[in-house]
């Protein structure tokens, strides 16, 4: 079922969106929304109110643009890590962002995920 929902969301967004192959223990896809140029997937905890969201947007930015225009101006403290071939920025309370082949990815977890989980999610998308 998630595959069909993802296909429909990709068609609505106008680009090929993806869902992560890695899933932190205790979370599953609870919502998938799409509009022109954007897809957002929400993953909820099976046991409590914790959740995280992965947003994918079309973008012409590269990693340096992302750092200079989004990460550094808003977050004085951030980490830069390599996740496979991607440069991923970890910032705030359990958030990550990167760009890859015309798509800007943002994971927002409000502290629900640790750095290792964020990196594994980035590697699996």
PDB file of N, CA and C in Angstrom:
ATOM      1  N   UNK A   1       0.805  -1.205   0.000  1.00  0.00           N
ATOM      2  CA  UNK A   1       0.000   0.000   0.000  1.00  0.00           C
ATOM      3  C   UNK A   1       0.851   1.273   0.000  1.00  0.00           C
ATOM      4  N   UNK A   2       1.945   1.363   0.815  1.00  0.00           N
ATOM      5  CA  UNK A   2       2.751   2.580   0.765  1.00  0.00           C
ATOM      6  C   UNK A   2       3.313   2.860  -0.626  1.00  0.00           C
ATOM      7  N   UNK A   3       3.627   1.804  -1.392  1.00  0.00           N
ATOM      8  CA  UNK A   3       4.146   1.991  -2.745  1.00  0.00           C
ATOM      9  C   UNK A   3       3.162   2.700  -3.648  1.00  0.00           C
ATOM     10  N   UNK A   4       1.900   2.338  -3.564  1.00  0.00           N
ATOM     11  CA  UNK A   4       0.863   2.997  -4.375  1.00  0.00           C
ATOM     12  C   UNK A   4       0.665   4.441  -3.938  1.00  0.00           C
ATOM     13  N   UNK A   5       0.662   4.659  -2.634  1.00  0.00           N
ATOM     14  CA  UNK A   5       0.522   6.023  -2.108  1.00  0.00           C
ATOM     15  C   UNK A   5       1.704   6.882  -2.517  1.00  0.00           C
ATOM     16  N   UNK A   6       2.914   6.319  -2.502  1.00  0.00           N
ATOM     17  CA  UNK A   6       4.104   7.060  -2.896  1.00  0.00           C
ATOM     18  C   UNK A   6       4.064   7.402  -4.382  1.00  0.00           C
ATOM     19  N   UNK A   7       3.622   6.460  -5.195  1.00  0.00           N
ATOM     20  CA  UNK A   7       3.508   6.707  -6.638  1.00  0.00           C
ATOM     21  C   UNK A   7       2.530   7.856  -6.910  1.00  0.00           C
ATOM     22  N   UNK A   8       1.398   7.859  -6.239  1.00  0.00           N
ATOM     23  CA  UNK A   8       0.411   8.934  -6.402  1.00  0.00           C
ATOM     24  C   UNK A   8       0.973  10.262  -5.905  1.00  0.00           C
ATOM     25  N   UNK A   9       1.685  10.249  -4.786  1.00  0.00           N
ATOM     26  CA  UNK A   9       2.279  11.476  -4.246  1.00  0.00           C
ATOM     27  C   UNK A   9       3.339  12.025  -5.197  1.00  0.00           C
ATOM     28  N   UNK A  10       4.154  11.151  -5.771  1.00  0.00           N
ATOM     29  CA  UNK A  10       5.174  11.572  -6.729  1.00  0.00           C
ATOM     30  C   UNK A  10       4.549  12.216  -7.948  1.00  0.00           C
ATOM     31  N   UNK A  11       3.465  11.634  -8.436  1.00  0.00           N
ATOM     32  CA  UNK A  11       2.778  12.200  -9.599  1.00  0.00           C
ATOM     33  C   UNK A  11       2.232  13.587  -9.275  1.00  0.00           C
ATOM     34  N   UNK A  12       1.674  13.740  -8.096  1.00  0.00           N
ATOM     35  CA  UNK A  12       1.131  15.035  -7.673  1.00  0.00           C
ATOM     36  C   UNK A  12       2.234  16.076  -7.512  1.00  0.00           C
ATOM     37  N   UNK A  13       3.395  15.641  -6.984  1.00  0.00           N
ATOM     38  CA  UNK A  13       4.508  16.556  -6.734  1.00  0.00           C
ATOM     39  C   UNK A  13       5.266  16.913  -8.013  1.00  0.00           C
ATOM     40  N   UNK A  14       5.255  16.011  -8.982  1.00  0.00           N
ATOM     41  CA  UNK A  14       5.963  16.276 -10.228  1.00  0.00           C
ATOM     42  C   UNK A  14       7.410  15.826 -10.220  1.00  0.00           C
ATOM     43  N   UNK A  15       7.810  15.025  -9.239  1.00  0.00           N
ATOM     44  CA  UNK A  15       9.151  14.442  -9.205  1.00  0.00           C
ATOM     45  C   UNK A  15       9.059  13.099  -8.492  1.00  0.00           C
ATOM     46  N   UNK A  16      10.114  12.300  -8.614  1.00  0.00           N
ATOM     47  CA  UNK A  16      10.125  10.971  -8.015  1.00  0.00           C
ATOM     48  C   UNK A  16      10.544  11.048  -6.546  1.00  0.00           C
ATOM     49  N   UNK A  17       9.574  10.986  -5.666  1.00  0.00           N
ATOM     50  CA  UNK A  17       9.830  10.992  -4.225  1.00  0.00           C
ATOM     51  C   UNK A  17      10.142   9.565  -3.778  1.00  0.00           C
ATOM     52  N   UNK A  18      10.691   9.447  -2.570  1.00  0.00           N
ATOM     53  CA  UNK A  18      11.013   8.118  -2.062  1.00  0.00           C
ATOM     54  C   UNK A  18      10.701   8.024  -0.574  1.00  0.00           C
ATOM     55  N   UNK A  19      10.585   6.799  -0.122  1.00  0.00           N
ATOM     56  CA  UNK A  19      10.440   6.517   1.300  1.00  0.00           C
ATOM     57  C   UNK A  19      11.723   5.833   1.753  1.00  0.00           C
ATOM     58  N   UNK A  20      12.122   6.029   2.993  1.00  0.00           N
ATOM     59  CA  UNK A  20      13.375   5.420   3.454  1.00  0.00           C
ATOM     60  C   UNK A  20      13.276   3.900   3.536  1.00  0.00           C
ATOM     61  N   UNK A  21      14.379   3.238   3.218  1.00  0.00           N
ATOM     62  CA  UNK A  21      14.446   1.789   3.374  1.00  0.00           C
ATOM     63  C   UNK A  21      14.644   1.430   4.850  1.00  0.00           C
ATOM     64  N   UNK A  22      15.291   2.331   5.590  1.00  0.00           N
ATOM     65  CA  UNK A  22      15.523   2.140   7.023  1.00  0.00           C
ATOM     66  C   UNK A  22      14.353   2.743   7.794  1.00  0.00           C
ATOM     67  N   UNK A  23      13.918   2.032   8.824  1.00  0.00           N
ATOM     68  CA  UNK A  23      12.856   2.520   9.701  1.00  0.00           C
ATOM     69  C   UNK A  23      13.306   2.342  11.151  1.00  0.00           C
ATOM     70  N   UNK A  24      13.454   3.434  11.900  1.00  0.00           N
ATOM     71  CA  UNK A  24      13.790   3.273  13.319  1.00  0.00           C
ATOM     72  C   UNK A  24      12.764   2.373  14.002  1.00  0.00           C
ATOM     73  N   UNK A  25      13.226   1.545  14.898  1.00  0.00           N
ATOM     74  CA  UNK A  25      12.345   0.616  15.603  1.00  0.00           C
ATOM     75  C   UNK A  25      11.202   1.362  16.267  1.00  0.00           C
ATOM     76  N   UNK A  26       9.995   0.826  16.098  1.00  0.00           N
ATOM     77  CA  UNK A  26       8.832   1.387  16.766  1.00  0.00           C
ATOM     78  C   UNK A  26       8.107   2.478  15.997  1.00  0.00           C
ATOM     79  N   UNK A  27       8.537   2.768  14.764  1.00  0.00           N
ATOM     80  CA  UNK A  27       7.890   3.799  13.942  1.00  0.00           C
ATOM     81  C   UNK A  27       7.367   3.196  12.645  1.00  0.00           C
ATOM     82  N   UNK A  28       6.284   3.769  12.147  1.00  0.00           N
ATOM     83  CA  UNK A  28       5.780   3.373  10.838  1.00  0.00           C
ATOM     84  C   UNK A  28       5.132   4.585  10.164  1.00  0.00           C
ATOM     85  N   UNK A  29       4.985   4.491   8.858  1.00  0.00           N
ATOM     86  CA  UNK A  29       4.384   5.564   8.080  1.00  0.00           C
ATOM     87  C   UNK A  29       2.945   5.778   8.531  1.00  0.00           C
ATOM     88  N   UNK A  30       2.620   7.019   8.897  1.00  0.00           N
ATOM     89  CA  UNK A  30       1.255   7.309   9.334  1.00  0.00           C
ATOM     90  C   UNK A  30       0.536   8.285   8.413  1.00  0.00           C
ATOM     91  N   UNK A  31       1.288   9.039   7.614  1.00  0.00           N
ATOM     92  CA  UNK A  31       0.644  10.022   6.736  1.00  0.00           C
ATOM     93  C   UNK A  31       1.584  10.349   5.585  1.00  0.00           C
ATOM     94  N   UNK A  32       1.003  10.544   4.403  1.00  0.00           N
ATOM     95  CA  UNK A  32       1.767  10.917   3.223  1.00  0.00           C
ATOM     96  C   UNK A  32       0.977  11.975   2.480  1.00  0.00           C
ATOM     97  N   UNK A  33       1.545  13.188   2.383  1.00  0.00           N
ATOM     98  CA  UNK A  33       0.891  14.310   1.714  1.00  0.00           C
ATOM     99  C   UNK A  33       1.756  14.783   0.566  1.00  0.00           C
ATOM    100  N   UNK A  34       1.121  15.337  -0.465  1.00  0.00           N
ATOM    101  CA  UNK A  34       1.873  15.862  -1.597  1.00  0.00           C
ATOM    102  C   UNK A  34       1.150  17.041  -2.211  1.00  0.00           C
ATOM    103  N   UNK A  35       1.930  17.897  -2.820  1.00  0.00           N
ATOM    104  CA  UNK A  35       1.430  19.026  -3.585  1.00  0.00           C
ATOM    105  C   UNK A  35       2.455  19.325  -4.656  1.00  0.00           C
ATOM    106  N   UNK A  36       2.229  20.304  -5.481  1.00  0.00           N
ATOM    107  CA  UNK A  36       3.194  20.621  -6.531  1.00  0.00           C
ATOM    108  C   UNK A  36       4.582  20.910  -5.942  1.00  0.00           C
ATOM    109  N   UNK A  37       5.573  20.099  -6.312  1.00  0.00           N
ATOM    110  CA  UNK A  37       6.946  20.311  -5.894  1.00  0.00           C
ATOM    111  C   UNK A  37       7.299  19.866  -4.491  1.00  0.00           C
ATOM    112  N   UNK A  38       6.389  19.179  -3.786  1.00  0.00           N
ATOM    113  CA  UNK A  38       6.674  18.795  -2.390  1.00  0.00           C
ATOM    114  C   UNK A  38       5.940  17.505  -2.000  1.00  0.00           C
ATOM    115  N   UNK A  39       6.637  16.680  -1.216  1.00  0.00           N
ATOM    116  CA  UNK A  39       6.057  15.472  -0.624  1.00  0.00           C
ATOM    117  C   UNK A  39       6.477  15.432   0.837  1.00  0.00           C
ATOM    118  N   UNK A  40       5.544  15.182   1.732  1.00  0.00           N
ATOM    119  CA  UNK A  40       5.841  15.081   3.164  1.00  0.00           C
ATOM    120  C   UNK A  40       5.306  13.751   3.683  1.00  0.00           C
ATOM    121  N   UNK A  41       6.171  13.012   4.360  1.00  0.00           N
ATOM    122  CA  UNK A  41       5.762  11.740   4.962  1.00  0.00           C
ATOM    123  C   UNK A  41       5.993  11.833   6.467  1.00  0.00           C
ATOM    124  N   UNK A  42       4.985  11.405   7.213  1.00  0.00           N
ATOM    125  CA  UNK A  42       5.061  11.441   8.678  1.00  0.00           C
ATOM    126  C   UNK A  42       5.108  10.014   9.186  1.00  0.00           C
ATOM    127  N   UNK A  43       6.019   9.776  10.137  1.00  0.00           N
ATOM    128  CA  UNK A  43       6.184   8.468  10.744  1.00  0.00           C
ATOM    129  C   UNK A  43       5.909   8.611  12.229  1.00  0.00           C
ATOM    130  N   UNK A  44       4.961   7.832  12.738  1.00  0.00           N
ATOM    131  CA  UNK A  44       4.576   7.921  14.134  1.00  0.00           C
ATOM    132  C   UNK A  44       5.042   6.726  14.936  1.00  0.00           C
ATOM    133  N   UNK A  45       5.248   6.959  16.228  1.00  0.00           N
ATOM    134  CA  UNK A  45       5.638   5.904  17.143  1.00  0.00           C
ATOM    135  C   UNK A  45       4.446   4.992  17.415  1.00  0.00           C
ATOM    136  N   UNK A  46       4.728   3.723  17.604  1.00  0.00           N
ATOM    137  CA  UNK A  46       3.675   2.760  17.935  1.00  0.00           C
ATOM    138  C   UNK A  46       3.266   2.839  19.395  1.00  0.00           C
ATOM    139  N   UNK A  47       4.108   3.473  20.244  1.00  0.00           N
ATOM    140  CA  UNK A  47       3.855   3.404  21.680  1.00  0.00           C
ATOM    141  C   UNK A  47       3.536   4.740  22.351  1.00  0.00           C
ATOM    142  N   UNK A  48       3.831   5.860  21.691  1.00  0.00           N
ATOM    143  CA  UNK A  48       3.579   7.154  22.320  1.00  0.00           C
ATOM    144  C   UNK A  48       3.421   8.225  21.238  1.00  0.00           C
ATOM    145  N   UNK A  49       3.501   9.479  21.584  1.00  0.00           N
ATOM    146  CA  UNK A  49       3.249  10.572  20.650  1.00  0.00           C
ATOM    147  C   UNK A  49       4.440  11.027  19.834  1.00  0.00           C
ATOM    148  N   UNK A  50       5.584  10.330  19.961  1.00  0.00           N
ATOM    149  CA  UNK A  50       6.757  10.733  19.182  1.00  0.00           C
ATOM    150  C   UNK A  50       6.526  10.516  17.693  1.00  0.00           C
ATOM    151  N   UNK A  51       7.153  11.384  16.890  1.00  0.00           N
ATOM    152  CA  UNK A  51       7.007  11.276  15.441  1.00  0.00           C
ATOM    153  C   UNK A  51       8.160  12.001  14.765  1.00  0.00           C
ATOM    154  N   UNK A  52       8.333  11.718  13.499  1.00  0.00           N
ATOM    155  CA  UNK A  52       9.252  12.498  12.680  1.00  0.00           C
ATOM    156  C   UNK A  52       8.650  12.645  11.297  1.00  0.00           C
ATOM    157  N   UNK A  53       9.066  13.699  10.610  1.00  0.00           N
ATOM    158  CA  UNK A  53       8.559  13.999   9.280  1.00  0.00           C
ATOM    159  C   UNK A  53       9.729  14.116   8.317  1.00  0.00           C
ATOM    160  N   UNK A  54       9.567  13.546   7.138  1.00  0.00           N
ATOM    161  CA  UNK A  54      10.540  13.708   6.062  1.00  0.00           C
ATOM    162  C   UNK A  54       9.856  14.496   4.955  1.00  0.00           C
ATOM    163  N   UNK A  55      10.405  15.671   4.650  1.00  0.00           N
ATOM    164  CA  UNK A  55       9.879  16.513   3.587  1.00  0.00           C
ATOM    165  C   UNK A  55      10.863  16.500   2.429  1.00  0.00           C
ATOM    166  N   UNK A  56      10.329  16.339   1.231  1.00  0.00           N
ATOM    167  CA  UNK A  56      11.138  16.354   0.015  1.00  0.00           C
ATOM    168  C   UNK A  56      10.591  17.441  -0.901  1.00  0.00           C
ATOM    169  N   UNK A  57      11.493  18.332  -1.351  1.00  0.00           N
ATOM    170  CA  UNK A  57      11.097  19.442  -2.216  1.00  0.00           C
ATOM    171  C   UNK A  57      12.039  19.514  -3.402  1.00  0.00           C
ATOM    172  N   UNK A  58      11.500  19.890  -4.536  1.00  0.00           N
ATOM    173  CA  UNK A  58      12.371  20.151  -5.677  1.00  0.00           C
ATOM    174  C   UNK A  58      13.257  21.341  -5.345  1.00  0.00           C
ATOM    175  N   UNK A  59      14.529  21.284  -5.755  1.00  0.00           N
ATOM    176  CA  UNK A  59      15.456  22.363  -5.447  1.00  0.00           C
ATOM    177  C   UNK A  59      16.611  22.373  -6.433  1.00  0.00           C
ATOM    178  N   UNK A  60      17.107  23.555  -6.725  1.00  0.00           N
ATOM    179  CA  UNK A  60      18.299  23.688  -7.566  1.00  0.00           C
ATOM    180  C   UNK A  60      19.546  23.920  -6.714  1.00  0.00           C
ATOM    181  N   UNK A  61      19.407  23.888  -5.393  1.00  0.00           N
ATOM    182  CA  UNK A  61      20.529  24.107  -4.498  1.00  0.00           C
ATOM    183  C   UNK A  61      21.509  22.937  -4.527  1.00  0.00           C
ATOM    184  N   UNK A  62      22.770  23.249  -4.200  1.00  0.00           N
ATOM    185  CA  UNK A  62      23.759  22.215  -3.911  1.00  0.00           C
ATOM    186  C   UNK A  62      24.010  22.255  -2.397  1.00  0.00           C
ATOM    187  N   UNK A  63      24.927  21.429  -1.913  1.00  0.00           N
ATOM    188  CA  UNK A  63      25.162  21.347  -0.465  1.00  0.00           C
ATOM    189  C   UNK A  63      25.636  22.673   0.122  1.00  0.00           C
ATOM    190  N   UNK A  64      26.485  23.382  -0.601  1.00  0.00           N
ATOM    191  CA  UNK A  64      26.974  24.666  -0.102  1.00  0.00           C
ATOM    192  C   UNK A  64      25.851  25.695  -0.032  1.00  0.00           C
ATOM    193  N   UNK A  65      24.992  25.729  -1.067  1.00  0.00           N
ATOM    194  CA  UNK A  65      23.828  26.633  -1.035  1.00  0.00           C
ATOM    195  C   UNK A  65      22.956  26.329   0.173  1.00  0.00           C
ATOM    196  N   UNK A  66      22.710  25.054   0.417  1.00  0.00           N
ATOM    197  CA  UNK A  66      21.868  24.646   1.540  1.00  0.00           C
ATOM    198  C   UNK A  66      22.459  25.135   2.865  1.00  0.00           C
ATOM    199  N   UNK A  67      23.765  24.929   3.024  1.00  0.00           N
ATOM    200  CA  UNK A  67      24.426  25.385   4.246  1.00  0.00           C
ATOM    201  C   UNK A  67      24.338  26.904   4.376  1.00  0.00           C
ATOM    202  N   UNK A  68      24.672  27.620   3.299  1.00  0.00           N
ATOM    203  CA  UNK A  68      24.755  29.083   3.344  1.00  0.00           C
ATOM    204  C   UNK A  68      23.395  29.775   3.428  1.00  0.00           C
ATOM    205  N   UNK A  69      22.368  29.176   2.828  1.00  0.00           N
ATOM    206  CA  UNK A  69      21.063  29.839   2.757  1.00  0.00           C
ATOM    207  C   UNK A  69      20.040  29.341   3.772  1.00  0.00           C
ATOM    208  N   UNK A  70      20.253  28.136   4.313  1.00  0.00           N
ATOM    209  CA  UNK A  70      19.269  27.586   5.242  1.00  0.00           C
ATOM    210  C   UNK A  70      19.866  27.246   6.606  1.00  0.00           C
ATOM    211  N   UNK A  71      20.904  26.430   6.627  1.00  0.00           N
ATOM    212  CA  UNK A  71      21.411  25.905   7.891  1.00  0.00           C
ATOM    213  C   UNK A  71      22.134  26.981   8.705  1.00  0.00           C
ATOM    214  N   UNK A  72      23.203  27.550   8.169  1.00  0.00           N
ATOM    215  CA  UNK A  72      24.041  28.486   8.929  1.00  0.00           C
ATOM    216  C   UNK A  72      23.302  29.742   9.389  1.00  0.00           C
ATOM    217  N   UNK A  73      22.427  30.355   8.575  1.00  0.00           N
ATOM    218  CA  UNK A  73      21.737  31.550   9.062  1.00  0.00           C
ATOM    219  C   UNK A  73      20.774  31.284  10.228  1.00  0.00           C
ATOM    220  N   UNK A  74      20.220  30.096  10.298  1.00  0.00           N
ATOM    221  CA  UNK A  74      19.210  29.805  11.320  1.00  0.00           C
ATOM    222  C   UNK A  74      19.764  29.042  12.523  1.00  0.00           C
ATOM    223  N   UNK A  75      20.880  28.342  12.342  1.00  0.00           N
ATOM    224  CA  UNK A  75      21.389  27.470  13.409  1.00  0.00           C
ATOM    225  C   UNK A  75      22.887  27.697  13.591  1.00  0.00           C
ATOM    226  N   UNK A  76      23.259  28.336  14.687  1.00  0.00           N
ATOM    227  CA  UNK A  76      24.674  28.597  14.960  1.00  0.00           C
ATOM    228  C   UNK A  76      25.441  27.299  15.178  1.00  0.00           C
ATOM    229  N   UNK A  77      24.779  26.305  15.746  1.00  0.00           N
ATOM    230  CA  UNK A  77      25.402  25.011  16.013  1.00  0.00           C
ATOM    231  C   UNK A  77      24.823  23.965  15.067  1.00  0.00           C
ATOM    232  N   UNK A  78      25.678  23.392  14.241  1.00  0.00           N
ATOM    233  CA  UNK A  78      25.270  22.294  13.374  1.00  0.00           C
ATOM    234  C   UNK A  78      26.483  21.421  13.093  1.00  0.00           C
ATOM    235  N   UNK A  79      26.214  20.196  12.676  1.00  0.00           N
ATOM    236  CA  UNK A  79      27.276  19.259  12.324  1.00  0.00           C
ATOM    237  C   UNK A  79      27.165  18.933  10.841  1.00  0.00           C
ATOM    238  N   UNK A  80      28.292  18.739  10.206  1.00  0.00           N
ATOM    239  CA  UNK A  80      28.323  18.284   8.825  1.00  0.00           C
ATOM    240  C   UNK A  80      28.853  16.856   8.832  1.00  0.00           C
ATOM    241  N   UNK A  81      28.083  15.922   8.245  1.00  0.00           N
ATOM    242  CA  UNK A  81      28.498  14.518   8.193  1.00  0.00           C
ATOM    243  C   UNK A  81      28.311  13.995   6.777  1.00  0.00           C
ATOM    244  N   UNK A  82      29.037  12.947   6.452  1.00  0.00           N
ATOM    245  CA  UNK A  82      28.859  12.271   5.174  1.00  0.00           C
ATOM    246  C   UNK A  82      27.983  11.047   5.397  1.00  0.00           C
ATOM    247  N   UNK A  83      26.946  10.923   4.604  1.00  0.00           N
ATOM    248  CA  UNK A  83      26.070   9.755   4.633  1.00  0.00           C
ATOM    249  C   UNK A  83      26.086   9.195   3.217  1.00  0.00           C
ATOM    250  N   UNK A  84      26.951   8.221   2.991  1.00  0.00           N
ATOM    251  CA  UNK A  84      27.168   7.756   1.634  1.00  0.00           C
ATOM    252  C   UNK A  84      27.827   8.881   0.851  1.00  0.00           C
ATOM    253  N   UNK A  85      27.263   9.239  -0.277  1.00  0.00           N
ATOM    254  CA  UNK A  85      27.817  10.319  -1.099  1.00  0.00           C
ATOM    255  C   UNK A  85      27.200  11.676  -0.761  1.00  0.00           C
ATOM    256  N   UNK A  86      26.331  11.721   0.231  1.00  0.00           N
ATOM    257  CA  UNK A  86      25.617  12.955   0.570  1.00  0.00           C
ATOM    258  C   UNK A  86      26.269  13.701   1.728  1.00  0.00           C
ATOM    259  N   UNK A  87      26.252  15.028   1.627  1.00  0.00           N
ATOM    260  CA  UNK A  87      26.653  15.881   2.736  1.00  0.00           C
ATOM    261  C   UNK A  87      25.390  16.215   3.506  1.00  0.00           C
ATOM    262  N   UNK A  88      25.323  15.762   4.749  1.00  0.00           N
ATOM    263  CA  UNK A  88      24.127  15.929   5.576  1.00  0.00           C
ATOM    264  C   UNK A  88      24.458  16.888   6.719  1.00  0.00           C
ATOM    265  N   UNK A  89      23.537  17.808   6.964  1.00  0.00           N
ATOM    266  CA  UNK A  89      23.677  18.752   8.067  1.00  0.00           C
ATOM    267  C   UNK A  89      22.721  18.340   9.176  1.00  0.00           C
ATOM    268  N   UNK A  90      23.265  18.126  10.376  1.00  0.00           N
ATOM    269  CA  UNK A  90      22.466  17.821  11.559  1.00  0.00           C
ATOM    270  C   UNK A  90      22.357  19.104  12.359  1.00  0.00           C
ATOM    271  N   UNK A  91      21.145  19.462  12.765  1.00  0.00           N
ATOM    272  CA  UNK A  91      20.950  20.743  13.439  1.00  0.00           C
ATOM    273  C   UNK A  91      19.756  20.651  14.383  1.00  0.00           C
ATOM    274  N   UNK A  92      19.670  21.640  15.272  1.00  0.00           N
ATOM    275  CA  UNK A  92      18.531  21.716  16.189  1.00  0.00           C
ATOM    276  C   UNK A  92      18.431  20.474  17.052  1.00  0.00           C
ATOM    277  N   UNK A  93      17.224  20.130  17.415  1.00  0.00           N
ATOM    278  CA  UNK A  93      16.942  19.003  18.305  1.00  0.00           C
ATOM    279  C   UNK A  93      16.489  17.793  17.497  1.00  0.00           C
ATOM    280  N   UNK A  94      17.455  17.116  16.855  1.00  0.00           N
ATOM    281  CA  UNK A  94      17.122  15.904  16.115  1.00  0.00           C
ATOM    282  C   UNK A  94      16.613  16.145  14.715  1.00  0.00           C
ATOM    283  N   UNK A  95      17.257  17.064  13.985  1.00  0.00           N
ATOM    284  CA  UNK A  95      16.850  17.376  12.616  1.00  0.00           C
ATOM    285  C   UNK A  95      18.024  17.186  11.667  1.00  0.00           C
ATOM    286  N   UNK A  96      17.726  16.928  10.406  1.00  0.00           N
ATOM    287  CA  UNK A  96      18.760  16.749   9.389  1.00  0.00           C
ATOM    288  C   UNK A  96      18.254  17.287   8.061  1.00  0.00           C
ATOM    289  N   UNK A  97      19.200  17.717   7.211  1.00  0.00           N
ATOM    290  CA  UNK A  97      18.841  18.187   5.880  1.00  0.00           C
ATOM    291  C   UNK A  97      19.983  17.933   4.917  1.00  0.00           C
ATOM    292  N   UNK A  98      19.651  17.715   3.656  1.00  0.00           N
ATOM    293  CA  UNK A  98      20.639  17.535   2.599  1.00  0.00           C
ATOM    294  C   UNK A  98      19.937  17.709   1.256  1.00  0.00           C
ATOM    295  N   UNK A  99      20.733  17.846   0.201  1.00  0.00           N
ATOM    296  CA  UNK A  99      20.207  17.885  -1.159  1.00  0.00           C
ATOM    297  C   UNK A  99      20.846  16.748  -1.950  1.00  0.00           C
ATOM    298  N   UNK A 100      20.070  16.211  -2.878  1.00  0.00           N
ATOM    299  CA  UNK A 100      20.566  15.128  -3.717  1.00  0.00           C
ATOM    300  C   UNK A 100      19.783  15.120  -5.024  1.00  0.00           C
ATOM    301  N   UNK A 101      20.485  15.266  -6.111  1.00  0.00           N
ATOM    302  CA  UNK A 101      19.925  15.223  -7.471  1.00  0.00           C
ATOM    303  C   UNK A 101      18.607  15.990  -7.614  1.00  0.00           C
ATOM    304  N   UNK A 102      18.645  17.265  -7.249  1.00  0.00           N
ATOM    305  CA  UNK A 102      17.496  18.138  -7.455  1.00  0.00           C
ATOM    306  C   UNK A 102      16.401  18.051  -6.416  1.00  0.00           C
ATOM    307  N   UNK A 103      16.653  17.325  -5.327  1.00  0.00           N
ATOM    308  CA  UNK A 103      15.651  17.206  -4.263  1.00  0.00           C
ATOM    309  C   UNK A 103      16.290  17.629  -2.943  1.00  0.00           C
ATOM    310  N   UNK A 104      15.577  18.479  -2.190  1.00  0.00           N
ATOM    311  CA  UNK A 104      15.993  18.931  -0.865  1.00  0.00           C
ATOM    312  C   UNK A 104      15.217  18.106   0.155  1.00  0.00           C
ATOM    313  N   UNK A 105      15.942  17.412   1.018  1.00  0.00           N
ATOM    314  CA  UNK A 105      15.364  16.563   2.049  1.00  0.00           C
ATOM    315  C   UNK A 105      15.496  17.243   3.409  1.00  0.00           C
ATOM    316  N   UNK A 106      14.434  17.191   4.202  1.00  0.00           N
ATOM    317  CA  UNK A 106      14.467  17.707   5.564  1.00  0.00           C
ATOM    318  C   UNK A 106      13.804  16.669   6.469  1.00  0.00           C
ATOM    319  N   UNK A 107      14.519  16.260   7.509  1.00  0.00           N
ATOM    320  CA  UNK A 107      13.946  15.388   8.535  1.00  0.00           C
ATOM    321  C   UNK A 107      13.792  16.227   9.792  1.00  0.00           C
ATOM    322  N   UNK A 108      12.583  16.288  10.310  1.00  0.00           N
ATOM    323  CA  UNK A 108      12.308  17.005  11.560  1.00  0.00           C
ATOM    324  C   UNK A 108      11.767  15.999  12.560  1.00  0.00           C
ATOM    325  N   UNK A 109      12.469  15.898  13.712  1.00  0.00           N
ATOM    326  CA  UNK A 109      12.035  14.896  14.687  1.00  0.00           C
ATOM    327  C   UNK A 109      11.756  15.476  16.068  1.00  0.00           C
ATOM    328  N   UNK A 110      12.045  16.739  16.291  1.00  0.00           N
ATOM    329  CA  UNK A 110      11.820  17.346  17.593  1.00  0.00           C
ATOM    330  C   UNK A 110      12.364  16.486  18.726  1.00  0.00           C
ATOM    331  N   UNK A 111      13.560  15.967  18.525  1.00  0.00           N
ATOM    332  CA  UNK A 111      14.218  15.174  19.559  1.00  0.00           C
ATOM    333  C   UNK A 111      13.866  13.708  19.581  1.00  0.00           C
ATOM    334  N   UNK A 112      12.977  13.261  18.709  1.00  0.00           N
ATOM    335  CA  UNK A 112      12.574  11.853  18.704  1.00  0.00           C
ATOM    336  C   UNK A 112      13.650  10.921  18.174  1.00  0.00           C
ATOM    337  N   UNK A 113      14.583  11.438  17.352  1.00  0.00           N
ATOM    338  CA  UNK A 113      15.614  10.613  16.743  1.00  0.00           C
ATOM    339  C   UNK A 113      17.001  11.110  17.134  1.00  0.00           C
ATOM    340  N   UNK A 114      17.921  10.171  17.246  1.00  0.00           N
ATOM    341  CA  UNK A 114      19.318  10.502  17.514  1.00  0.00           C
ATOM    342  C   UNK A 114      20.082  10.692  16.218  1.00  0.00           C
ATOM    343  N   UNK A 115      21.307  11.168  16.328  1.00  0.00           N
ATOM    344  CA  UNK A 115      22.134  11.423  15.149  1.00  0.00           C
ATOM    345  C   UNK A 115      22.316  10.178  14.293  1.00  0.00           C
ATOM    346  N   UNK A 116      22.591   9.035  14.908  1.00  0.00           N
ATOM    347  CA  UNK A 116      22.811   7.790  14.145  1.00  0.00           C
ATOM    348  C   UNK A 116      21.563   7.428  13.334  1.00  0.00           C
ATOM    349  N   UNK A 117      20.376   7.580  13.933  1.00  0.00           N
ATOM    350  CA  UNK A 117      19.137   7.283  13.217  1.00  0.00           C
ATOM    351  C   UNK A 117      18.937   8.249  12.051  1.00  0.00           C
ATOM    352  N   UNK A 118      19.238   9.521  12.265  1.00  0.00           N
ATOM    353  CA  UNK A 118      19.119  10.511  11.192  1.00  0.00           C
ATOM    354  C   UNK A 118      20.039  10.163  10.030  1.00  0.00           C
ATOM    355  N   UNK A 119      21.260   9.775  10.342  1.00  0.00           N
ATOM    356  CA  UNK A 119      22.219   9.415   9.299  1.00  0.00           C
ATOM    357  C   UNK A 119      21.758   8.171   8.562  1.00  0.00           C
ATOM    358  N   UNK A 120      21.271   7.182   9.284  1.00  0.00           N
ATOM    359  CA  UNK A 120      20.783   5.956   8.632  1.00  0.00           C
ATOM    360  C   UNK A 120      19.582   6.257   7.730  1.00  0.00           C
ATOM    361  N   UNK A 121      18.703   7.147   8.162  1.00  0.00           N
ATOM    362  CA  UNK A 121      17.588   7.553   7.299  1.00  0.00           C
ATOM    363  C   UNK A 121      18.108   8.219   6.028  1.00  0.00           C
ATOM    364  N   UNK A 122      19.075   9.130   6.184  1.00  0.00           N
ATOM    365  CA  UNK A 122      19.633   9.823   5.016  1.00  0.00           C
ATOM    366  C   UNK A 122      20.275   8.830   4.059  1.00  0.00           C
ATOM    367  N   UNK A 123      20.988   7.868   4.581  1.00  0.00           N
ATOM    368  CA  UNK A 123      21.639   6.861   3.726  1.00  0.00           C
ATOM    369  C   UNK A 123      20.631   5.992   3.005  1.00  0.00           C
ATOM    370  N   UNK A 124      19.442   5.822   3.576  1.00  0.00           N
ATOM    371  CA  UNK A 124      18.457   4.903   3.002  1.00  0.00           C
ATOM    372  C   UNK A 124      17.490   5.557   2.036  1.00  0.00           C
ATOM    373  N   UNK A 125      17.590   6.862   1.862  1.00  0.00           N
ATOM    374  CA  UNK A 125      16.683   7.542   0.921  1.00  0.00           C
ATOM    375  C   UNK A 125      17.338   7.720  -0.432  1.00  0.00           C
TER     376      UNK A 125
END
